[in-house]
Protein backbone atom coordinates (compact mmCIF):
# COMPACT_ATOMS: atom_id res chain seq x y z
CA MET A 1 -21.96 31.47 3.04
CA ASN A 2 -25.64 31.20 3.92
CA HIS A 3 -27.15 28.57 6.21
CA LEU A 4 -28.33 26.31 3.37
CA SER A 5 -24.97 26.33 1.58
CA ARG A 6 -23.19 25.53 4.82
CA ALA A 7 -25.63 22.69 5.55
CA VAL A 8 -24.88 21.13 2.16
CA ALA A 9 -21.13 21.84 2.11
CA MET A 10 -20.33 20.48 5.58
CA PRO A 11 -21.69 16.95 4.95
CA LEU A 12 -19.84 16.87 1.62
CA LEU A 13 -16.61 17.93 3.30
CA LEU A 14 -17.13 15.30 6.01
CA LEU A 15 -17.82 12.64 3.38
CA PHE A 16 -14.62 13.26 1.45
CA ALA A 17 -12.45 13.79 4.53
CA THR A 18 -13.46 10.47 6.06
CA THR A 19 -13.46 8.27 2.95
CA ILE A 20 -10.21 9.45 1.42
CA ALA A 21 -8.23 9.11 4.65
CA PRO A 22 -4.94 7.34 4.03
CA SER A 23 -4.94 3.61 4.73
CA LEU A 24 -1.23 3.25 4.65
CA ARG A 25 1.44 3.11 7.27
CA ALA A 26 4.39 5.00 5.89
CA ALA A 27 7.81 4.79 7.39
CA ASP A 28 10.87 6.82 6.51
CA LYS A 29 14.31 5.56 5.48
CA ALA A 30 15.44 5.49 9.10
CA ASP A 31 12.81 2.82 9.81
CA TRP A 32 14.47 0.16 7.65
CA SER A 33 14.17 -2.26 10.57
CA SER A 34 10.37 -2.32 10.12
CA LEU A 35 10.98 -4.36 6.95
CA LYS A 36 12.03 -7.28 9.13
CA GLY A 37 8.33 -7.80 9.89
CA VAL A 38 7.49 -8.49 6.24
CA ALA A 39 6.74 -12.18 5.69
CA PRO A 40 8.78 -14.09 3.10
CA ALA A 41 6.97 -14.75 -0.21
CA GLN A 42 4.73 -11.71 0.28
CA THR A 43 4.24 -9.76 -2.95
CA VAL A 44 6.03 -6.40 -2.82
CA LYS A 45 6.78 -3.54 -5.17
CA VAL A 46 10.19 -1.94 -4.78
CA THR A 47 10.68 1.61 -6.06
CA LEU A 48 14.33 2.43 -6.62
CA THR A 49 16.06 5.79 -6.30
CA ASN A 50 16.57 5.88 -10.09
CA GLY A 51 12.78 5.90 -10.57
CA LYS A 52 12.42 2.30 -11.76
CA SER A 53 10.24 -0.14 -9.87
CA VAL A 54 10.09 -3.92 -9.70
CA GLN A 55 7.50 -6.30 -8.30
CA GLY A 56 8.26 -9.70 -6.86
CA GLU A 57 8.21 -11.88 -3.78
CA PHE A 58 9.95 -10.61 -0.65
CA GLN A 59 12.69 -13.00 0.47
CA SER A 60 14.71 -11.30 3.21
CA VAL A 61 16.18 -8.08 4.53
CA SER A 62 19.44 -7.28 6.31
CA ASP A 63 20.83 -4.03 7.65
CA ASP A 64 22.36 -3.28 4.24
CA ALA A 65 20.21 -4.97 1.59
CA LEU A 66 16.87 -6.34 0.50
CA VAL A 67 16.38 -9.60 -1.43
CA ILE A 68 13.40 -9.96 -3.81
CA HIS A 69 12.56 -13.00 -5.97
CA LEU A 70 12.05 -11.72 -9.54
CA ALA A 71 11.47 -13.77 -12.70
CA GLY A 72 12.84 -17.04 -11.36
CA ALA A 73 15.88 -15.59 -9.57
CA ASP A 74 16.65 -13.64 -6.41
CA GLN A 75 17.84 -10.08 -6.82
CA THR A 76 19.53 -8.02 -4.12
CA PHE A 77 19.01 -4.28 -3.75
CA SER A 78 21.22 -2.22 -1.47
CA ARG A 79 19.57 -0.02 1.13
CA GLN A 80 20.77 3.09 -0.74
CA GLU A 81 19.03 1.92 -3.95
CA VAL A 82 15.61 1.45 -2.33
CA ARG A 83 13.37 4.49 -2.11
CA ARG A 84 10.15 2.70 -1.17
CA LEU A 85 8.71 -0.74 -0.58
CA ALA A 86 4.98 -1.26 -1.04
CA ILE A 87 3.38 -4.43 0.29
CA LYS A 88 0.46 -5.88 -1.61
CA ARG A 89 -2.33 -6.48 0.85
CA ASN A 90 -5.60 -8.36 0.52
CA GLY A 91 -8.28 -6.14 -0.96
CA HIS A 92 -10.99 -4.66 1.20
CA ARG A 93 -12.87 -2.96 -1.61
CA VAL A 94 -16.32 -4.32 -0.70
CA LYS A 95 -15.90 -3.15 2.88
CA HIS A 96 -14.73 0.27 1.68
CA VAL A 97 -17.68 0.54 -0.72
CA LEU A 98 -20.14 -0.23 2.08
CA ILE A 99 -18.49 2.22 4.48
CA GLY A 100 -18.45 4.91 1.78
CA ALA A 101 -22.10 4.28 0.94
CA ALA A 102 -23.10 4.50 4.62
CA ILE A 103 -21.18 7.73 5.15
CA GLY A 104 -22.58 9.15 1.91
CA ALA A 105 -26.13 8.18 2.86
CA GLY A 106 -25.73 9.90 6.23
CA ALA A 107 -24.35 13.02 4.60
CA GLY A 108 -27.13 12.94 1.99
CA LEU A 109 -29.76 12.56 4.68
CA GLY A 110 -28.35 15.57 6.54
CA ALA A 111 -28.20 17.63 3.37
CA GLY A 112 -31.72 16.46 2.45
CA VAL A 113 -33.09 17.60 5.79
CA ALA A 114 -31.44 21.00 5.29
CA VAL A 115 -32.79 21.32 1.75
CA ASP A 116 -36.30 20.28 2.82
CA ARG A 117 -36.35 23.15 5.31
CA CYS A 118 -35.74 25.78 2.62
CA PRO A 119 -38.44 28.23 1.59
CA PRO A 120 -40.55 27.02 -1.38
CA ASN A 121 -39.34 29.82 -3.69
CA SER A 122 -35.66 29.06 -3.03
CA LEU A 123 -33.30 28.11 -5.87
CA ILE A 124 -32.34 24.77 -4.23
CA CYS A 125 -35.68 23.42 -3.09
CA PHE A 126 -37.04 19.98 -3.91
CA GLY A 127 -40.33 20.46 -2.13
CA ASN A 128 -40.25 17.76 0.51
CA LYS A 129 -38.14 15.34 -1.54
CA GLY A 130 -34.62 16.42 -0.53
CA LYS A 131 -34.02 13.43 1.71
CA GLY A 132 -35.34 11.02 -0.91
CA ILE A 133 -33.16 12.49 -3.66
CA LEU A 134 -29.94 13.38 -1.83
CA THR A 135 -29.64 10.31 0.43
CA PRO A 136 -29.26 7.73 -2.37
CA GLY A 137 -27.31 10.22 -4.51
CA PHE A 138 -24.72 10.82 -1.80
CA ALA A 139 -24.68 7.08 -1.02
CA LEU A 140 -23.68 6.40 -4.63
CA ILE A 141 -20.96 9.05 -4.47
CA GLY A 142 -19.68 7.56 -1.21
CA ALA A 143 -19.69 4.06 -2.68
CA GLY A 144 -17.73 5.33 -5.66
CA VAL A 145 -15.14 6.94 -3.42
CA GLY A 146 -14.91 3.73 -1.38
CA ALA A 147 -14.39 1.67 -4.52
CA THR A 148 -11.48 3.82 -5.66
CA PRO A 149 -8.32 1.72 -5.22
CA SER A 150 -5.58 2.98 -3.00
CA LYS A 151 -2.74 4.38 -5.06
CA ASN A 152 0.07 2.89 -3.00
CA GLY A 153 -1.33 -0.39 -1.69
CA GLY A 154 0.48 -0.46 1.63
CA ALA A 155 3.81 1.25 1.73
CA LEU A 156 6.62 0.74 4.15
CA THR A 157 9.76 2.27 2.58
């Protein structure tokens, strides 16, 4: 990999590694006690061991079972039935978009500086416009990555 390719690839790798970092706190089955910190009436999604999932309001948890309010009635799920519990959290999409755009702009600026230093007869040479082209381009990519919703919301299990 030549110097120019490395200078472009490294900021891209940094961009994706930092913006796609998991925002969840995952706990395993043994950490059932962590569910006692979930506030009543908080919206949760319960994934069962049979593959089905239900969404409702968290009511309570004991050592053996979990109670969720679904469609006007409380429903109890045994600990053995529950594979995962995801807590719906307030969205932070705007913040994530801005962080992604800032990281992307920084990566684009770095790549633009590297591209601007290339010889004029090079295949990837924008004259002296690399920073002006790549900075907003990478900022848009970063903003798009930041806007991508988290797949799991906030999972506890």
